[in-house]
Amino acid sequence: MVDDKKVKSFVVSWDQLHRDARALAWRLEGMQQSGQLWTRIVAVTRGGMVPAMIVARELDIRVVDSISVRSYDEQTQSDPVVIKENVLQDSKNTLVVDDLVDTGRTLELIRTLLPQAHYATIYGKPLGCSFVDTFITEVSQDTWIYFPWDTALRYVGPVRGES
């Protein structure tokens, strides 16, 4: 479990996630105009499914697959394990999309299965940024990102005065 007193929190709303996923699509579109062509997306479940859907829409990519990797149990990270891998075929022209690269262990594992793919995430932490080809926003390693599917509306006290 993450100790909330030692970890910064970054809460991402649905609107922010949508804006950031579109920003990722814009950056990737620039690469496509430079000659890189993706014909399919592989979403890393579960966090990469929503960003992958948005990127697929924005880039008009109709083939969207998924690869399932388990590396977290709530907020506890463990060794990544592939639990669904029937997407394994030629990875050329494949764009792998996830919400976040933290330590990079998940993407490192997937890269062994899809070595020629391009790896893109919305958020990147310093330990994992070298495992991703494209990302939008870097956050500190000690920041826990709460995605919209992880949260509910509730009162949060001010930063000043917290112990």
N, C-alpha and C. Protein backbone atom coordinates (compact mmCIF):
# COMPACT_ATOMS: atom_id res chain seq x y z
N MET A 1 0.84 -1.19 0.00
CA MET A 1 0.00 0.00 0.00
C MET A 1 0.88 1.24 0.00
N VAL A 2 0.49 2.25 -0.73
CA VAL A 2 1.24 3.49 -0.81
C VAL A 2 0.98 4.30 0.46
N ASP A 3 2.06 4.79 1.09
CA ASP A 3 1.94 5.62 2.27
C ASP A 3 1.64 7.05 1.81
N ASP A 4 0.39 7.51 2.02
CA ASP A 4 -0.05 8.81 1.53
C ASP A 4 0.74 9.98 2.11
N LYS A 5 1.42 9.79 3.24
CA LYS A 5 2.19 10.88 3.84
C LYS A 5 3.51 11.10 3.13
N LYS A 6 4.00 10.12 2.40
CA LYS A 6 5.27 10.21 1.70
C LYS A 6 5.10 10.38 0.19
N VAL A 7 3.89 10.26 -0.29
CA VAL A 7 3.63 10.26 -1.72
C VAL A 7 2.73 11.44 -2.08
N LYS A 8 3.09 12.10 -3.17
CA LYS A 8 2.24 13.17 -3.69
C LYS A 8 1.09 12.55 -4.47
N SER A 9 -0.03 13.21 -4.45
CA SER A 9 -1.20 12.74 -5.19
C SER A 9 -1.46 13.65 -6.38
N PHE A 10 -1.79 13.05 -7.50
CA PHE A 10 -2.17 13.77 -8.71
C PHE A 10 -3.47 13.15 -9.19
N VAL A 11 -4.56 13.88 -9.04
CA VAL A 11 -5.88 13.38 -9.42
C VAL A 11 -6.19 13.86 -10.83
N VAL A 12 -6.49 12.92 -11.70
CA VAL A 12 -6.78 13.22 -13.10
C VAL A 12 -8.29 13.06 -13.32
N SER A 13 -8.93 14.11 -13.81
CA SER A 13 -10.37 14.05 -14.12
C SER A 13 -10.57 13.43 -15.50
N TRP A 14 -11.81 13.09 -15.80
CA TRP A 14 -12.13 12.57 -17.13
C TRP A 14 -11.77 13.60 -18.20
N ASP A 15 -12.09 14.87 -17.92
CA ASP A 15 -11.78 15.93 -18.90
C ASP A 15 -10.28 16.04 -19.13
N GLN A 16 -9.51 16.01 -18.04
CA GLN A 16 -8.06 16.12 -18.18
C GLN A 16 -7.49 14.92 -18.93
N LEU A 17 -7.97 13.74 -18.62
CA LEU A 17 -7.50 12.54 -19.31
C LEU A 17 -7.79 12.64 -20.81
N HIS A 18 -8.98 13.12 -21.15
CA HIS A 18 -9.34 13.25 -22.56
C HIS A 18 -8.44 14.27 -23.25
N ARG A 19 -8.20 15.41 -22.61
CA ARG A 19 -7.31 16.42 -23.20
C ARG A 19 -5.90 15.87 -23.39
N ASP A 20 -5.40 15.18 -22.37
CA ASP A 20 -4.03 14.65 -22.45
C ASP A 20 -3.91 13.54 -23.49
N ALA A 21 -4.94 12.71 -23.62
CA ALA A 21 -4.92 11.66 -24.65
C ALA A 21 -4.96 12.28 -26.05
N ARG A 22 -5.72 13.36 -26.21
CA ARG A 22 -5.74 14.06 -27.50
C ARG A 22 -4.39 14.70 -27.78
N ALA A 23 -3.74 15.24 -26.74
CA ALA A 23 -2.40 15.81 -26.92
C ALA A 23 -1.43 14.72 -27.37
N LEU A 24 -1.57 13.52 -26.80
CA LEU A 24 -0.73 12.40 -27.24
C LEU A 24 -1.00 12.09 -28.71
N ALA A 25 -2.27 12.09 -29.09
CA ALA A 25 -2.62 11.82 -30.49
C ALA A 25 -2.03 12.89 -31.42
N TRP A 26 -2.06 14.14 -31.01
CA TRP A 26 -1.48 15.21 -31.84
C TRP A 26 0.02 14.99 -32.04
N ARG A 27 0.69 14.61 -30.96
CA ARG A 27 2.14 14.37 -31.07
C ARG A 27 2.40 13.18 -31.99
N LEU A 28 1.60 12.13 -31.84
CA LEU A 28 1.77 10.95 -32.69
C LEU A 28 1.41 11.24 -34.14
N GLU A 29 0.41 12.09 -34.36
CA GLU A 29 0.02 12.47 -35.72
C GLU A 29 1.19 13.16 -36.42
N GLY A 30 1.92 13.98 -35.70
CA GLY A 30 3.11 14.62 -36.27
C GLY A 30 4.14 13.60 -36.72
N MET A 31 4.27 12.52 -35.99
CA MET A 31 5.20 11.46 -36.38
C MET A 31 4.68 10.74 -37.62
N GLN A 32 3.37 10.54 -37.71
CA GLN A 32 2.81 9.88 -38.88
C GLN A 32 3.03 10.73 -40.13
N GLN A 33 2.94 12.03 -39.98
CA GLN A 33 3.19 12.91 -41.12
C GLN A 33 4.65 12.86 -41.55
N SER A 34 5.52 12.43 -40.63
CA SER A 34 6.95 12.31 -40.95
C SER A 34 7.32 10.94 -41.49
N GLY A 35 6.32 10.11 -41.76
CA GLY A 35 6.60 8.82 -42.37
C GLY A 35 6.28 7.60 -41.53
N GLN A 36 6.12 7.75 -40.21
CA GLN A 36 5.75 6.62 -39.35
C GLN A 36 4.27 6.34 -39.56
N LEU A 37 3.91 5.10 -39.84
CA LEU A 37 2.51 4.76 -40.08
C LEU A 37 2.11 3.62 -39.15
N TRP A 38 1.10 3.87 -38.34
CA TRP A 38 0.57 2.81 -37.48
C TRP A 38 -0.74 2.32 -38.05
N THR A 39 -0.87 1.01 -38.14
CA THR A 39 -2.09 0.41 -38.67
C THR A 39 -2.92 -0.28 -37.60
N ARG A 40 -2.35 -0.39 -36.39
CA ARG A 40 -3.11 -0.96 -35.28
C ARG A 40 -2.58 -0.43 -33.97
N ILE A 41 -3.45 -0.47 -32.98
CA ILE A 41 -3.11 -0.08 -31.62
C ILE A 41 -3.28 -1.29 -30.73
N VAL A 42 -2.35 -1.46 -29.81
CA VAL A 42 -2.49 -2.45 -28.75
C VAL A 42 -2.58 -1.68 -27.44
N ALA A 43 -3.72 -1.79 -26.79
CA ALA A 43 -3.94 -1.14 -25.50
C ALA A 43 -3.45 -2.05 -24.39
N VAL A 44 -2.73 -1.48 -23.44
CA VAL A 44 -2.29 -2.24 -22.27
C VAL A 44 -3.42 -2.15 -21.24
N THR A 45 -4.06 -3.29 -20.98
CA THR A 45 -5.19 -3.26 -20.04
C THR A 45 -4.67 -3.24 -18.61
N ARG A 46 -5.37 -2.54 -17.81
CA ARG A 46 -6.64 -1.89 -18.01
C ARG A 46 -6.46 -0.40 -18.27
N GLY A 47 -5.43 0.20 -17.70
CA GLY A 47 -5.26 1.65 -17.79
C GLY A 47 -5.11 2.21 -19.18
N GLY A 48 -4.61 1.44 -20.11
CA GLY A 48 -4.39 1.96 -21.46
C GLY A 48 -5.60 1.90 -22.36
N MET A 49 -6.69 1.32 -21.89
CA MET A 49 -7.85 1.13 -22.78
C MET A 49 -8.51 2.45 -23.17
N VAL A 50 -8.75 3.33 -22.21
CA VAL A 50 -9.40 4.61 -22.53
C VAL A 50 -8.48 5.48 -23.38
N PRO A 51 -7.20 5.68 -22.99
CA PRO A 51 -6.33 6.46 -23.87
C PRO A 51 -6.19 5.86 -25.27
N ALA A 52 -6.14 4.54 -25.37
CA ALA A 52 -6.00 3.90 -26.68
C ALA A 52 -7.23 4.16 -27.55
N MET A 53 -8.41 4.14 -26.94
CA MET A 53 -9.64 4.41 -27.69
C MET A 53 -9.63 5.84 -28.22
N ILE A 54 -9.19 6.78 -27.39
CA ILE A 54 -9.16 8.18 -27.81
C ILE A 54 -8.12 8.36 -28.93
N VAL A 55 -6.94 7.80 -28.76
CA VAL A 55 -5.90 7.90 -29.79
C VAL A 55 -6.36 7.23 -31.08
N ALA A 56 -7.02 6.07 -30.98
CA ALA A 56 -7.51 5.38 -32.17
C ALA A 56 -8.51 6.25 -32.93
N ARG A 57 -9.39 6.89 -32.22
CA ARG A 57 -10.37 7.77 -32.86
C ARG A 57 -9.67 8.94 -33.54
N GLU A 58 -8.76 9.58 -32.82
CA GLU A 58 -8.10 10.77 -33.34
C GLU A 58 -7.21 10.46 -34.55
N LEU A 59 -6.59 9.30 -34.59
CA LEU A 59 -5.69 8.93 -35.68
C LEU A 59 -6.38 8.05 -36.73
N ASP A 60 -7.67 7.80 -36.55
CA ASP A 60 -8.47 6.98 -37.46
C ASP A 60 -7.85 5.60 -37.65
N ILE A 61 -7.48 4.98 -36.55
CA ILE A 61 -6.96 3.61 -36.57
C ILE A 61 -8.10 2.71 -36.12
N ARG A 62 -8.49 1.78 -36.97
CA ARG A 62 -9.66 0.94 -36.71
C ARG A 62 -9.34 -0.37 -36.03
N VAL A 63 -8.10 -0.81 -36.11
CA VAL A 63 -7.73 -2.09 -35.49
C VAL A 63 -7.15 -1.79 -34.11
N VAL A 64 -7.91 -2.19 -33.08
CA VAL A 64 -7.48 -1.98 -31.70
C VAL A 64 -7.53 -3.32 -30.99
N ASP A 65 -6.41 -3.71 -30.45
CA ASP A 65 -6.28 -4.97 -29.74
C ASP A 65 -5.89 -4.67 -28.30
N SER A 66 -5.68 -5.68 -27.51
CA SER A 66 -5.24 -5.45 -26.13
C SER A 66 -4.27 -6.54 -25.71
N ILE A 67 -3.44 -6.16 -24.76
CA ILE A 67 -2.58 -7.12 -24.09
C ILE A 67 -2.80 -6.90 -22.60
N SER A 68 -3.00 -7.95 -21.87
CA SER A 68 -3.30 -7.84 -20.45
C SER A 68 -2.08 -8.20 -19.63
N VAL A 69 -1.66 -7.25 -18.82
CA VAL A 69 -0.50 -7.43 -17.94
C VAL A 69 -0.93 -7.05 -16.54
N ARG A 70 -0.61 -7.91 -15.59
CA ARG A 70 -0.90 -7.61 -14.19
C ARG A 70 0.42 -7.26 -13.51
N SER A 71 0.48 -6.02 -12.98
CA SER A 71 1.68 -5.63 -12.23
C SER A 71 1.33 -4.86 -10.97
N TYR A 72 0.06 -4.54 -10.79
CA TYR A 72 -0.38 -3.84 -9.58
C TYR A 72 -1.56 -4.57 -8.98
N ASP A 73 -1.60 -4.57 -7.66
CA ASP A 73 -2.78 -4.98 -6.91
C ASP A 73 -3.14 -3.76 -6.08
N GLU A 74 -4.12 -3.01 -6.59
CA GLU A 74 -4.44 -1.68 -6.04
C GLU A 74 -3.20 -0.81 -6.15
N GLN A 75 -2.52 -0.50 -5.03
CA GLN A 75 -1.37 0.39 -5.08
C GLN A 75 -0.05 -0.33 -4.78
N THR A 76 -0.05 -1.63 -4.82
CA THR A 76 1.16 -2.40 -4.56
C THR A 76 1.67 -2.98 -5.88
N GLN A 77 2.91 -2.64 -6.23
CA GLN A 77 3.47 -3.11 -7.49
C GLN A 77 4.21 -4.42 -7.28
N SER A 78 4.07 -5.33 -8.25
CA SER A 78 4.78 -6.60 -8.22
C SER A 78 5.39 -6.83 -9.60
N ASP A 79 6.02 -7.97 -9.80
CA ASP A 79 6.58 -8.29 -11.11
C ASP A 79 5.45 -8.40 -12.13
N PRO A 80 5.61 -7.80 -13.30
CA PRO A 80 4.55 -7.87 -14.32
C PRO A 80 4.41 -9.27 -14.88
N VAL A 81 3.16 -9.67 -15.11
CA VAL A 81 2.85 -10.97 -15.67
C VAL A 81 1.85 -10.78 -16.80
N VAL A 82 2.14 -11.32 -17.98
CA VAL A 82 1.20 -11.25 -19.10
C VAL A 82 0.11 -12.28 -18.84
N ILE A 83 -1.15 -11.84 -18.86
CA ILE A 83 -2.26 -12.77 -18.62
C ILE A 83 -3.13 -12.95 -19.87
N LYS A 84 -2.89 -12.16 -20.92
CA LYS A 84 -3.53 -12.36 -22.23
C LYS A 84 -2.58 -11.82 -23.27
N GLU A 85 -2.21 -12.69 -24.21
CA GLU A 85 -1.20 -12.28 -25.19
C GLU A 85 -1.52 -12.72 -26.61
N ASN A 86 -2.78 -12.89 -26.94
CA ASN A 86 -3.09 -13.38 -28.28
C ASN A 86 -2.90 -12.32 -29.37
N VAL A 87 -2.32 -11.17 -29.04
CA VAL A 87 -2.03 -10.14 -30.04
C VAL A 87 -0.65 -10.31 -30.64
N LEU A 88 0.07 -11.30 -30.19
CA LEU A 88 1.46 -11.42 -30.59
C LEU A 88 1.59 -11.86 -32.04
N GLN A 89 1.95 -10.92 -32.85
CA GLN A 89 2.22 -11.12 -34.25
C GLN A 89 3.20 -10.04 -34.65
N ASP A 90 3.41 -9.84 -35.90
CA ASP A 90 4.35 -8.82 -36.34
C ASP A 90 4.02 -7.49 -35.68
N SER A 91 5.01 -6.90 -35.02
CA SER A 91 4.76 -5.66 -34.30
C SER A 91 5.08 -4.41 -35.11
N LYS A 92 5.50 -4.59 -36.35
CA LYS A 92 5.75 -3.44 -37.21
C LYS A 92 4.43 -2.70 -37.44
N ASN A 93 4.46 -1.38 -37.44
CA ASN A 93 3.27 -0.54 -37.62
C ASN A 93 2.28 -0.67 -36.47
N THR A 94 2.75 -1.08 -35.31
CA THR A 94 1.91 -1.22 -34.13
C THR A 94 2.24 -0.12 -33.14
N LEU A 95 1.20 0.46 -32.58
CA LEU A 95 1.32 1.48 -31.56
C LEU A 95 0.78 0.90 -30.26
N VAL A 96 1.63 0.79 -29.24
CA VAL A 96 1.22 0.29 -27.93
C VAL A 96 0.92 1.50 -27.05
N VAL A 97 -0.28 1.53 -26.46
CA VAL A 97 -0.71 2.69 -25.67
C VAL A 97 -1.04 2.25 -24.24
N ASP A 98 -0.51 3.02 -23.28
CA ASP A 98 -0.84 2.82 -21.87
C ASP A 98 -1.07 4.18 -21.23
N ASP A 99 -1.66 4.19 -20.06
CA ASP A 99 -1.91 5.45 -19.38
C ASP A 99 -0.64 6.04 -18.78
N LEU A 100 0.24 5.18 -18.28
CA LEU A 100 1.37 5.62 -17.48
C LEU A 100 2.53 4.65 -17.60
N VAL A 101 3.74 5.17 -17.62
CA VAL A 101 4.92 4.34 -17.42
C VAL A 101 5.50 4.76 -16.08
N ASP A 102 5.60 3.81 -15.15
CA ASP A 102 6.07 4.09 -13.79
C ASP A 102 7.53 3.66 -13.69
N THR A 103 7.79 2.39 -13.45
CA THR A 103 9.17 1.89 -13.40
C THR A 103 9.63 1.39 -14.76
N GLY A 104 8.69 1.17 -15.67
CA GLY A 104 9.01 0.66 -16.99
C GLY A 104 8.98 -0.84 -17.11
N ARG A 105 8.77 -1.53 -16.00
CA ARG A 105 8.83 -3.01 -16.04
C ARG A 105 7.74 -3.62 -16.92
N THR A 106 6.54 -3.04 -16.91
CA THR A 106 5.47 -3.57 -17.76
C THR A 106 5.82 -3.40 -19.23
N LEU A 107 6.23 -2.19 -19.62
CA LEU A 107 6.57 -1.97 -21.02
C LEU A 107 7.81 -2.74 -21.44
N GLU A 108 8.75 -2.92 -20.52
CA GLU A 108 9.94 -3.73 -20.82
C GLU A 108 9.52 -5.16 -21.17
N LEU A 109 8.58 -5.70 -20.41
CA LEU A 109 8.08 -7.05 -20.69
C LEU A 109 7.36 -7.10 -22.03
N ILE A 110 6.48 -6.14 -22.30
CA ILE A 110 5.73 -6.13 -23.55
C ILE A 110 6.68 -5.95 -24.73
N ARG A 111 7.72 -5.15 -24.56
CA ARG A 111 8.67 -4.91 -25.66
C ARG A 111 9.37 -6.21 -26.08
N THR A 112 9.52 -7.16 -25.17
CA THR A 112 10.11 -8.45 -25.56
C THR A 112 9.16 -9.21 -26.48
N LEU A 113 7.86 -8.93 -26.37
CA LEU A 113 6.85 -9.60 -27.18
C LEU A 113 6.54 -8.84 -28.48
N LEU A 114 6.63 -7.51 -28.43
CA LEU A 114 6.34 -6.65 -29.58
C LEU A 114 7.51 -5.69 -29.76
N PRO A 115 8.65 -6.21 -30.22
CA PRO A 115 9.88 -5.40 -30.21
C PRO A 115 9.90 -4.24 -31.20
N GLN A 116 9.15 -4.30 -32.28
CA GLN A 116 9.19 -3.24 -33.28
C GLN A 116 8.10 -2.18 -33.08
N ALA A 117 7.27 -2.35 -32.07
CA ALA A 117 6.17 -1.41 -31.84
C ALA A 117 6.69 -0.07 -31.33
N HIS A 118 5.86 0.93 -31.45
CA HIS A 118 6.12 2.25 -30.89
C HIS A 118 5.31 2.33 -29.59
N TYR A 119 5.94 2.75 -28.49
CA TYR A 119 5.32 2.75 -27.17
C TYR A 119 4.98 4.18 -26.76
N ALA A 120 3.71 4.42 -26.42
CA ALA A 120 3.24 5.75 -26.07
C ALA A 120 2.40 5.71 -24.80
N THR A 121 2.64 6.66 -23.91
CA THR A 121 1.84 6.80 -22.71
C THR A 121 1.48 8.27 -22.53
N ILE A 122 0.48 8.52 -21.72
CA ILE A 122 0.13 9.90 -21.41
C ILE A 122 1.10 10.45 -20.37
N TYR A 123 1.32 9.70 -19.31
CA TYR A 123 2.17 10.15 -18.22
C TYR A 123 3.41 9.29 -18.12
N GLY A 124 4.51 9.90 -17.67
CA GLY A 124 5.76 9.17 -17.51
C GLY A 124 6.45 9.59 -16.22
N LYS A 125 7.00 8.61 -15.53
CA LYS A 125 7.81 8.87 -14.34
C LYS A 125 9.28 8.64 -14.71
N PRO A 126 10.20 9.32 -14.03
CA PRO A 126 11.62 9.26 -14.41
C PRO A 126 12.19 7.85 -14.58
N LEU A 127 11.86 6.92 -13.69
CA LEU A 127 12.41 5.57 -13.80
C LEU A 127 11.93 4.84 -15.05
N GLY A 128 10.78 5.23 -15.58
CA GLY A 128 10.21 4.51 -16.71
C GLY A 128 10.31 5.20 -18.05
N CYS A 129 10.68 6.46 -18.06
CA CYS A 129 10.65 7.23 -19.32
C CYS A 129 11.52 6.62 -20.43
N SER A 130 12.59 5.95 -20.08
CA SER A 130 13.44 5.35 -21.12
C SER A 130 12.79 4.14 -21.78
N PHE A 131 11.70 3.63 -21.22
CA PHE A 131 11.02 2.46 -21.77
C PHE A 131 9.89 2.84 -22.73
N VAL A 132 9.60 4.13 -22.85
CA VAL A 132 8.51 4.61 -23.69
C VAL A 132 9.09 5.53 -24.76
N ASP A 133 8.53 5.45 -25.97
CA ASP A 133 9.02 6.27 -27.07
C ASP A 133 8.41 7.67 -27.06
N THR A 134 7.15 7.78 -26.65
CA THR A 134 6.45 9.05 -26.65
C THR A 134 5.57 9.13 -25.41
N PHE A 135 5.64 10.27 -24.71
CA PHE A 135 4.71 10.54 -23.62
C PHE A 135 4.46 12.03 -23.56
N ILE A 136 3.43 12.43 -22.83
CA ILE A 136 3.03 13.83 -22.79
C ILE A 136 3.52 14.54 -21.54
N THR A 137 3.26 14.02 -20.37
CA THR A 137 3.53 14.73 -19.13
C THR A 137 4.39 13.88 -18.20
N GLU A 138 5.49 14.46 -17.72
CA GLU A 138 6.33 13.76 -16.74
C GLU A 138 5.91 14.18 -15.34
N VAL A 139 5.78 13.20 -14.46
CA VAL A 139 5.48 13.45 -13.05
C VAL A 139 6.58 12.82 -12.22
N SER A 140 6.77 13.32 -11.02
CA SER A 140 7.84 12.81 -10.17
C SER A 140 7.57 11.36 -9.78
N GLN A 141 8.64 10.65 -9.48
CA GLN A 141 8.54 9.23 -9.14
C GLN A 141 7.69 9.01 -7.90
N ASP A 142 7.70 9.98 -6.99
CA ASP A 142 6.95 9.82 -5.73
C ASP A 142 5.52 10.35 -5.82
N THR A 143 5.00 10.46 -7.03
CA THR A 143 3.62 10.91 -7.24
C THR A 143 2.75 9.71 -7.59
N TRP A 144 1.63 9.56 -6.89
CA TRP A 144 0.65 8.53 -7.22
C TRP A 144 -0.44 9.19 -8.04
N ILE A 145 -0.67 8.69 -9.25
CA ILE A 145 -1.70 9.24 -10.12
C ILE A 145 -3.01 8.50 -9.89
N TYR A 146 -4.04 9.27 -9.56
CA TYR A 146 -5.38 8.71 -9.39
C TYR A 146 -6.15 9.00 -10.68
N PHE A 147 -6.44 7.95 -11.43
CA PHE A 147 -7.17 8.10 -12.68
C PHE A 147 -8.67 8.16 -12.39
N PRO A 148 -9.46 8.67 -13.34
CA PRO A 148 -10.89 8.85 -13.08
C PRO A 148 -11.61 7.57 -12.69
N TRP A 149 -11.16 6.44 -13.20
CA TRP A 149 -11.82 5.17 -12.87
C TRP A 149 -11.45 4.69 -11.47
N ASP A 150 -10.50 5.37 -10.81
CA ASP A 150 -10.07 5.00 -9.45
C ASP A 150 -10.71 5.86 -8.37
N THR A 151 -11.45 6.89 -8.74
CA THR A 151 -11.86 7.88 -7.76
C THR A 151 -13.36 8.13 -7.78
N ALA A 152 -13.81 8.78 -6.72
CA ALA A 152 -15.17 9.28 -6.61
C ALA A 152 -15.08 10.69 -6.04
N LEU A 153 -16.10 11.48 -6.25
CA LEU A 153 -16.07 12.84 -5.73
C LEU A 153 -16.14 12.83 -4.21
N ARG A 154 -15.23 13.59 -3.60
CA ARG A 154 -15.24 13.73 -2.14
C ARG A 154 -14.45 14.97 -1.78
N TYR A 155 -14.63 15.43 -0.57
CA TYR A 155 -13.91 16.60 -0.08
C TYR A 155 -12.44 16.23 0.16
N VAL A 156 -11.54 17.15 -0.21
CA VAL A 156 -10.12 17.01 0.07
C VAL A 156 -9.66 18.28 0.75
N GLY A 157 -8.97 18.14 1.87
CA GLY A 157 -8.48 19.31 2.60
C GLY A 157 -7.39 20.05 1.85
N PRO A 158 -7.10 21.29 2.27
CA PRO A 158 -6.07 22.09 1.60
C PRO A 158 -4.67 21.51 1.82
N VAL A 159 -3.75 21.84 0.90
CA VAL A 159 -2.39 21.34 0.99
C VAL A 159 -1.72 21.88 2.26
N ARG A 160 -1.83 23.17 2.51
CA ARG A 160 -1.24 23.76 3.71
C ARG A 160 -2.02 23.28 4.93
N GLY A 161 -1.32 22.83 5.90
CA GLY A 161 -1.95 22.34 7.11
C GLY A 161 -2.02 20.83 7.19
N GLU A 162 -1.74 20.14 6.08
CA GLU A 162 -1.69 18.67 6.14
C GLU A 162 -0.44 18.25 6.87
N SER A 163 -0.53 17.19 7.65
CA SER A 163 0.66 16.70 8.36
C SER A 163 1.19 15.46 7.73
